[in-house]
Amino acid sequence: IYSYEGLSNILGIHPSILCRYYQGDTVPSNVYTKRILDTLLSKDFIKEFIYKSLSKYNWSYSRVLSDPKVLNLLSLYISNRILSSLAGSGLKSLITFPGISSFISSLTATRLDLPVIVLYDTSSKTSIDTTIDFYDLGILRKGDYIAVIVDVLTSERLNILSNFLRDHELVLKILMCIILADKDLEKVISSMTLFEYLIP
């Protein structure tokens, strides 16, 4: 997506130095490491990266989010946002949905050392009916703080999530999504919890 020249302009680091970093010939100083991480994990950069990736893959969302490099970068970004927003909050689990959301959540959970719970719509004939008692498994307890990661947030998914949170008496601390399908949901979610999305 980015050439050394392009990244050089974004980071303010000479292309030949970036090349040496990438090839492992040298490592950046603490100052350059902070600059690189702050830039590459900023919301503006991530949004631009996603849009450039979509353009490269002819606007195929599934192709973009099937790319391991994209998944890894999104996971790093989300992990960083959760840590910077909720450090010391006692977050207990990540909740997500099947498909691409679960890939991003699994990578993020590994970084944060948290379990992942995948929610299924049991009213759908094509979904898997799961009747797991999360309390018996020791994964959840009433009042636990949780984070939600979702690739595409729709009204239907928000309803499934809201019912799950209510039924299990959980506290939603942050909801992170890649694509907000219905802009009207922003007001509803923002009144409930910390909320962030990347597209639109």
C-alpha atoms as a PDB file:
ATOM      1  CA  ILE A   1       0.000   0.000   0.000  1.00  0.00           C
ATOM      2  CA  TYR A   2       2.784   2.408   0.934  1.00  0.00           C
ATOM      3  CA  SER A   3       6.187   2.778  -0.686  1.00  0.00           C
ATOM      4  CA  TYR A   4       9.233   3.811   1.317  1.00  0.00           C
ATOM      5  CA  GLU A   5       8.795   7.277  -0.186  1.00  0.00           C
ATOM      6  CA  GLY A   6       5.157   7.430   0.923  1.00  0.00           C
ATOM      7  CA  LEU A   7       5.927   6.251   4.442  1.00  0.00           C
ATOM      8  CA  SER A   8       8.909   8.596   4.555  1.00  0.00           C
ATOM      9  CA  ASN A   9       6.597  11.560   3.954  1.00  0.00           C
ATOM     10  CA  ILE A  10       4.125  10.359   6.595  1.00  0.00           C
ATOM     11  CA  LEU A  11       6.755   9.590   9.238  1.00  0.00           C
ATOM     12  CA  GLY A  12       9.278  12.308   8.471  1.00  0.00           C
ATOM     13  CA  ILE A  13      12.069   9.726   8.240  1.00  0.00           C
ATOM     14  CA  HIS A  14      14.360   9.376   5.196  1.00  0.00           C
ATOM     15  CA  PRO A  15      13.426   6.430   2.895  1.00  0.00           C
ATOM     16  CA  SER A  16      16.880   4.845   3.134  1.00  0.00           C
ATOM     17  CA  ILE A  17      16.623   4.801   6.952  1.00  0.00           C
ATOM     18  CA  LEU A  18      13.158   3.217   6.760  1.00  0.00           C
ATOM     19  CA  CYS A  19      14.554   0.584   4.409  1.00  0.00           C
ATOM     20  CA  ARG A  20      17.340  -0.202   6.883  1.00  0.00           C
ATOM     21  CA  TYR A  21      14.775  -0.517   9.695  1.00  0.00           C
ATOM     22  CA  TYR A  22      12.605  -2.835   7.595  1.00  0.00           C
ATOM     23  CA  GLN A  23      15.521  -5.048   6.582  1.00  0.00           C
ATOM     24  CA  GLY A  24      16.755  -5.252  10.174  1.00  0.00           C
ATOM     25  CA  ASP A  25      20.089  -3.596   9.427  1.00  0.00           C
ATOM     26  CA  THR A  26      19.494  -1.136  12.260  1.00  0.00           C
ATOM     27  CA  VAL A  27      16.867  -0.376  14.868  1.00  0.00           C
ATOM     28  CA  PRO A  28      15.253   2.991  15.443  1.00  0.00           C
ATOM     29  CA  SER A  29      16.141   5.050  18.488  1.00  0.00           C
ATOM     30  CA  ASN A  30      13.522   5.473  21.209  1.00  0.00           C
ATOM     31  CA  VAL A  31      12.531   8.829  19.729  1.00  0.00           C
ATOM     32  CA  TYR A  32      12.004   7.372  16.239  1.00  0.00           C
ATOM     33  CA  THR A  33      10.259   4.292  17.636  1.00  0.00           C
ATOM     34  CA  LYS A  34       7.756   6.492  19.463  1.00  0.00           C
ATOM     35  CA  ARG A  35       7.243   8.648  16.362  1.00  0.00           C
ATOM     36  CA  ILE A  36       6.673   5.582  14.170  1.00  0.00           C
ATOM     37  CA  LEU A  37       4.252   3.922  16.592  1.00  0.00           C
ATOM     38  CA  ASP A  38       2.340   7.125  17.339  1.00  0.00           C
ATOM     39  CA  THR A  39       1.887   7.750  13.620  1.00  0.00           C
ATOM     40  CA  LEU A  40       1.140   4.204  12.449  1.00  0.00           C
ATOM     41  CA  LEU A  41      -1.313   3.580  15.300  1.00  0.00           C
ATOM     42  CA  SER A  42      -3.156   6.880  14.940  1.00  0.00           C
ATOM     43  CA  LYS A  43      -6.808   6.804  13.898  1.00  0.00           C
ATOM     44  CA  ASP A  44      -6.096   9.042  10.899  1.00  0.00           C
ATOM     45  CA  PHE A  45      -3.405   6.707   9.574  1.00  0.00           C
ATOM     46  CA  ILE A  46      -5.526   3.580  10.137  1.00  0.00           C
ATOM     47  CA  LYS A  47      -8.496   5.135   8.327  1.00  0.00           C
ATOM     48  CA  GLU A  48      -6.284   6.181   5.408  1.00  0.00           C
ATOM     49  CA  PHE A  49      -4.711   2.717   5.340  1.00  0.00           C
ATOM     50  CA  ILE A  50      -8.132   1.032   5.188  1.00  0.00           C
ATOM     51  CA  TYR A  51      -9.353   3.334   2.411  1.00  0.00           C
ATOM     52  CA  LYS A  52      -6.144   2.776   0.399  1.00  0.00           C
ATOM     53  CA  SER A  53      -6.496  -0.982   0.916  1.00  0.00           C
ATOM     54  CA  LEU A  54     -10.126  -0.905  -0.206  1.00  0.00           C
ATOM     55  CA  SER A  55      -9.128   1.051  -3.297  1.00  0.00           C
ATOM     56  CA  LYS A  56      -6.334  -1.439  -4.044  1.00  0.00           C
ATOM     57  CA  TYR A  57      -8.721  -4.409  -3.730  1.00  0.00           C
ATOM     58  CA  ASN A  58     -11.482  -2.817  -5.831  1.00  0.00           C
ATOM     59  CA  TRP A  59     -13.531  -1.928  -2.723  1.00  0.00           C
ATOM     60  CA  SER A  60     -13.863  -5.554  -1.647  1.00  0.00           C
ATOM     61  CA  TYR A  61     -14.230  -5.375   2.104  1.00  0.00           C
ATOM     62  CA  SER A  62     -13.802  -9.142   2.553  1.00  0.00           C
ATOM     63  CA  ARG A  63     -10.535  -9.158   0.555  1.00  0.00           C
ATOM     64  CA  VAL A  64      -9.103  -6.283   2.573  1.00  0.00           C
ATOM     65  CA  LEU A  65      -9.960  -7.877   5.896  1.00  0.00           C
ATOM     66  CA  SER A  66      -8.655 -11.247   4.719  1.00  0.00           C
ATOM     67  CA  ASP A  67      -5.167  -9.778   4.375  1.00  0.00           C
ATOM     68  CA  PRO A  68      -3.123 -10.835   7.438  1.00  0.00           C
ATOM     69  CA  LYS A  69      -1.182  -7.552   7.396  1.00  0.00           C
ATOM     70  CA  VAL A  70      -4.419  -5.558   7.573  1.00  0.00           C
ATOM     71  CA  LEU A  71      -5.796  -7.790  10.337  1.00  0.00           C
ATOM     72  CA  ASN A  72      -2.562  -7.444  12.292  1.00  0.00           C
ATOM     73  CA  LEU A  73      -2.496  -3.652  11.967  1.00  0.00           C
ATOM     74  CA  LEU A  74      -6.168  -3.375  12.992  1.00  0.00           C
ATOM     75  CA  SER A  75      -5.508  -5.611  15.976  1.00  0.00           C
ATOM     76  CA  LEU A  76      -2.512  -3.505  17.028  1.00  0.00           C
ATOM     77  CA  TYR A  77      -4.591  -0.350  16.694  1.00  0.00           C
ATOM     78  CA  ILE A  78      -7.522  -1.757  18.683  1.00  0.00           C
ATOM     79  CA  SER A  79      -5.224  -3.175  21.378  1.00  0.00           C
ATOM     80  CA  ASN A  80      -3.530   0.205  21.690  1.00  0.00           C
ATOM     81  CA  ARG A  81      -6.879   2.033  21.925  1.00  0.00           C
ATOM     82  CA  ILE A  82      -8.201  -0.351  24.567  1.00  0.00           C
ATOM     83  CA  LEU A  83      -5.006  -0.079  26.616  1.00  0.00           C
ATOM     84  CA  SER A  84      -4.839   3.701  26.367  1.00  0.00           C
ATOM     85  CA  SER A  85      -8.557   4.127  27.190  1.00  0.00           C
ATOM     86  CA  LEU A  86      -9.057   1.415  29.787  1.00  0.00           C
ATOM     87  CA  ALA A  87      -5.702   0.752  31.448  1.00  0.00           C
ATOM     88  CA  GLY A  88      -6.335  -0.493  34.965  1.00  0.00           C
ATOM     89  CA  SER A  89     -10.103  -0.814  34.454  1.00  0.00           C
ATOM     90  CA  GLY A  90     -10.236  -4.548  35.109  1.00  0.00           C
ATOM     91  CA  LEU A  91     -11.441  -5.571  31.667  1.00  0.00           C
ATOM     92  CA  LYS A  92     -12.339  -9.289  31.792  1.00  0.00           C
ATOM     93  CA  SER A  93     -13.352 -10.374  28.260  1.00  0.00           C
ATOM     94  CA  LEU A  94     -13.698  -9.412  24.618  1.00  0.00           C
ATOM     95  CA  ILE A  95     -17.034 -10.065  22.941  1.00  0.00           C
ATOM     96  CA  THR A  96     -17.376 -10.379  19.195  1.00  0.00           C
ATOM     97  CA  PHE A  97     -19.376 -11.945  16.357  1.00  0.00           C
ATOM     98  CA  PRO A  98     -18.542 -14.783  13.942  1.00  0.00           C
ATOM     99  CA  GLY A  99     -16.444 -14.160  10.836  1.00  0.00           C
ATOM    100  CA  ILE A 100     -13.912 -11.392  10.357  1.00  0.00           C
ATOM    101  CA  SER A 101     -14.780  -9.848  13.728  1.00  0.00           C
ATOM    102  CA  SER A 102     -13.619 -12.992  15.470  1.00  0.00           C
ATOM    103  CA  PHE A 103     -10.259 -12.934  13.635  1.00  0.00           C
ATOM    104  CA  ILE A 104      -9.560  -9.358  14.720  1.00  0.00           C
ATOM    105  CA  SER A 105     -10.762 -10.117  18.245  1.00  0.00           C
ATOM    106  CA  SER A 106      -8.599 -13.238  18.551  1.00  0.00           C
ATOM    107  CA  LEU A 107      -5.471 -11.305  17.609  1.00  0.00           C
ATOM    108  CA  THR A 108      -6.424  -8.505  19.985  1.00  0.00           C
ATOM    109  CA  ALA A 109      -7.248 -10.921  22.823  1.00  0.00           C
ATOM    110  CA  THR A 110      -3.846 -12.558  22.447  1.00  0.00           C
ATOM    111  CA  ARG A 111      -2.159  -9.186  22.863  1.00  0.00           C
ATOM    112  CA  LEU A 112      -4.323  -8.272  25.868  1.00  0.00           C
ATOM    113  CA  ASP A 113      -4.370 -11.756  27.425  1.00  0.00           C
ATOM    114  CA  LEU A 114      -8.183 -11.868  27.525  1.00  0.00           C
ATOM    115  CA  PRO A 115     -10.719 -14.563  26.619  1.00  0.00           C
ATOM    116  CA  VAL A 116     -12.989 -14.067  23.601  1.00  0.00           C
ATOM    117  CA  ILE A 117     -16.712 -14.775  23.549  1.00  0.00           C
ATOM    118  CA  VAL A 118     -18.333 -15.128  20.117  1.00  0.00           C
ATOM    119  CA  LEU A 119     -22.034 -14.210  19.987  1.00  0.00           C
ATOM    120  CA  TYR A 120     -24.306 -16.014  17.567  1.00  0.00           C
ATOM    121  CA  ASP A 121     -27.760 -14.988  16.472  1.00  0.00           C
ATOM    122  CA  THR A 122     -29.656 -18.077  17.579  1.00  0.00           C
ATOM    123  CA  SER A 123     -32.843 -16.860  15.885  1.00  0.00           C
ATOM    124  CA  SER A 124     -31.233 -17.378  12.480  1.00  0.00           C
ATOM    125  CA  LYS A 125     -31.679 -20.770  10.846  1.00  0.00           C
ATOM    126  CA  THR A 126     -28.129 -20.654   9.498  1.00  0.00           C
ATOM    127  CA  SER A 127     -26.442 -19.878  12.791  1.00  0.00           C
ATOM    128  CA  ILE A 128     -25.076 -22.284  15.338  1.00  0.00           C
ATOM    129  CA  ASP A 129     -27.262 -22.569  18.421  1.00  0.00           C
ATOM    130  CA  THR A 130     -24.973 -22.147  21.391  1.00  0.00           C
ATOM    131  CA  THR A 131     -26.262 -22.568  24.893  1.00  0.00           C
ATOM    132  CA  ILE A 132     -23.017 -22.084  26.779  1.00  0.00           C
ATOM    133  CA  ASP A 133     -23.163 -21.190  30.428  1.00  0.00           C
ATOM    134  CA  PHE A 134     -20.327 -18.675  30.607  1.00  0.00           C
ATOM    135  CA  TYR A 135     -20.630 -18.516  34.396  1.00  0.00           C
ATOM    136  CA  ASP A 136     -20.011 -22.269  34.777  1.00  0.00           C
ATOM    137  CA  LEU A 137     -16.944 -21.958  32.566  1.00  0.00           C
ATOM    138  CA  GLY A 138     -15.613 -19.156  34.748  1.00  0.00           C
ATOM    139  CA  ILE A 139     -15.347 -16.809  31.762  1.00  0.00           C
ATOM    140  CA  LEU A 140     -17.925 -14.288  32.950  1.00  0.00           C
ATOM    141  CA  ARG A 141     -19.295 -13.022  36.212  1.00  0.00           C
ATOM    142  CA  LYS A 142     -22.125 -10.567  36.791  1.00  0.00           C
ATOM    143  CA  GLY A 143     -20.807  -7.024  36.654  1.00  0.00           C
ATOM    144  CA  ASP A 144     -17.696  -7.913  34.624  1.00  0.00           C
ATOM    145  CA  TYR A 145     -16.244  -5.174  32.434  1.00  0.00           C
ATOM    146  CA  ILE A 146     -16.099  -6.183  28.782  1.00  0.00           C
ATOM    147  CA  ALA A 147     -15.051  -4.745  25.421  1.00  0.00           C
ATOM    148  CA  VAL A 148     -16.748  -5.451  22.102  1.00  0.00           C
ATOM    149  CA  ILE A 149     -14.993  -5.651  18.744  1.00  0.00           C
ATOM    150  CA  VAL A 150     -17.042  -5.903  15.566  1.00  0.00           C
ATOM    151  CA  ASP A 151     -16.178  -5.534  11.886  1.00  0.00           C
ATOM    152  CA  VAL A 152     -19.567  -4.200  10.711  1.00  0.00           C
ATOM    153  CA  LEU A 153     -22.011  -2.855  13.281  1.00  0.00           C
ATOM    154  CA  THR A 154     -25.661  -3.116  12.317  1.00  0.00           C
ATOM    155  CA  SER A 155     -28.884  -2.604  14.283  1.00  0.00           C
ATOM    156  CA  GLU A 156     -29.377  -6.363  14.398  1.00  0.00           C
ATOM    157  CA  ARG A 157     -25.946  -6.966  15.905  1.00  0.00           C
ATOM    158  CA  LEU A 158     -26.465  -4.155  18.410  1.00  0.00           C
ATOM    159  CA  ASN A 159     -29.735  -5.794  19.522  1.00  0.00           C
ATOM    160  CA  ILE A 160     -28.026  -9.187  19.967  1.00  0.00           C
ATOM    161  CA  LEU A 161     -25.252  -7.530  21.943  1.00  0.00           C
ATOM    162  CA  SER A 162     -27.635  -5.479  24.111  1.00  0.00           C
ATOM    163  CA  ASN A 163     -29.658  -8.590  24.976  1.00  0.00           C
ATOM    164  CA  PHE A 164     -26.497 -10.512  25.875  1.00  0.00           C
ATOM    165  CA  LEU A 165     -25.218  -7.700  28.089  1.00  0.00           C
ATOM    166  CA  ARG A 166     -28.582  -7.379  29.829  1.00  0.00           C
ATOM    167  CA  ASP A 167     -29.068 -11.135  30.288  1.00  0.00           C
ATOM    168  CA  HIS A 168     -25.568 -11.593  31.745  1.00  0.00           C
ATOM    169  CA  GLU A 169     -25.511  -8.281  33.666  1.00  0.00           C
ATOM    170  CA  LEU A 170     -22.236  -7.145  32.079  1.00  0.00           C
ATOM    171  CA  VAL A 171     -20.751  -3.656  31.871  1.00  0.00           C
ATOM    172  CA  LEU A 172     -19.756  -2.540  28.368  1.00  0.00           C
ATOM    173  CA  LYS A 173     -16.645  -0.367  28.664  1.00  0.00           C
ATOM    174  CA  ILE A 174     -15.816   0.151  24.984  1.00  0.00           C
ATOM    175  CA  LEU A 175     -17.259  -0.822  21.606  1.00  0.00           C
ATOM    176  CA  MET A 176     -14.855  -0.731  18.660  1.00  0.00           C
ATOM    177  CA  CYS A 177     -16.029  -1.297  15.099  1.00  0.00           C
ATOM    178  CA  ILE A 178     -14.435  -1.015  11.694  1.00  0.00           C
ATOM    179  CA  ILE A 179     -17.557  -0.074   9.739  1.00  0.00           C
ATOM    180  CA  LEU A 180     -20.612   1.610  11.211  1.00  0.00           C
ATOM    181  CA  ALA A 181     -23.428   0.478   8.905  1.00  0.00           C
ATOM    182  CA  ASP A 182     -26.065   2.801  10.338  1.00  0.00           C
ATOM    183  CA  LYS A 183     -24.904   6.279  11.370  1.00  0.00           C
ATOM    184  CA  ASP A 184     -28.008   6.654  13.581  1.00  0.00           C
ATOM    185  CA  LEU A 185     -26.518   4.032  15.914  1.00  0.00           C
ATOM    186  CA  GLU A 186     -23.723   6.420  16.876  1.00  0.00           C
ATOM    187  CA  LYS A 187     -25.943   8.452  19.225  1.00  0.00           C
ATOM    188  CA  VAL A 188     -27.414   5.352  20.845  1.00  0.00           C
ATOM    189  CA  ILE A 189     -24.044   3.694  21.473  1.00  0.00           C
ATOM    190  CA  SER A 190     -22.218   6.871  22.507  1.00  0.00           C
ATOM    191  CA  SER A 191     -24.777   7.344  25.287  1.00  0.00           C
ATOM    192  CA  MET A 192     -24.028   3.803  26.550  1.00  0.00           C
ATOM    193  CA  THR A 193     -20.245   3.537  26.408  1.00  0.00           C
ATOM    194  CA  LEU A 194     -16.977   4.640  24.877  1.00  0.00           C
ATOM    195  CA  PHE A 195     -17.469   4.097  21.139  1.00  0.00           C
ATOM    196  CA  GLU A 196     -15.120   4.241  18.174  1.00  0.00           C
ATOM    197  CA  TYR A 197     -15.492   3.351  14.510  1.00  0.00           C
ATOM    198  CA  LEU A 198     -13.235   3.838  11.492  1.00  0.00           C
ATOM    199  CA  ILE A 199     -15.584   3.965   8.491  1.00  0.00           C
ATOM    200  CA  PRO A 200     -17.372   6.148   7.423  1.00  0.00           C
END
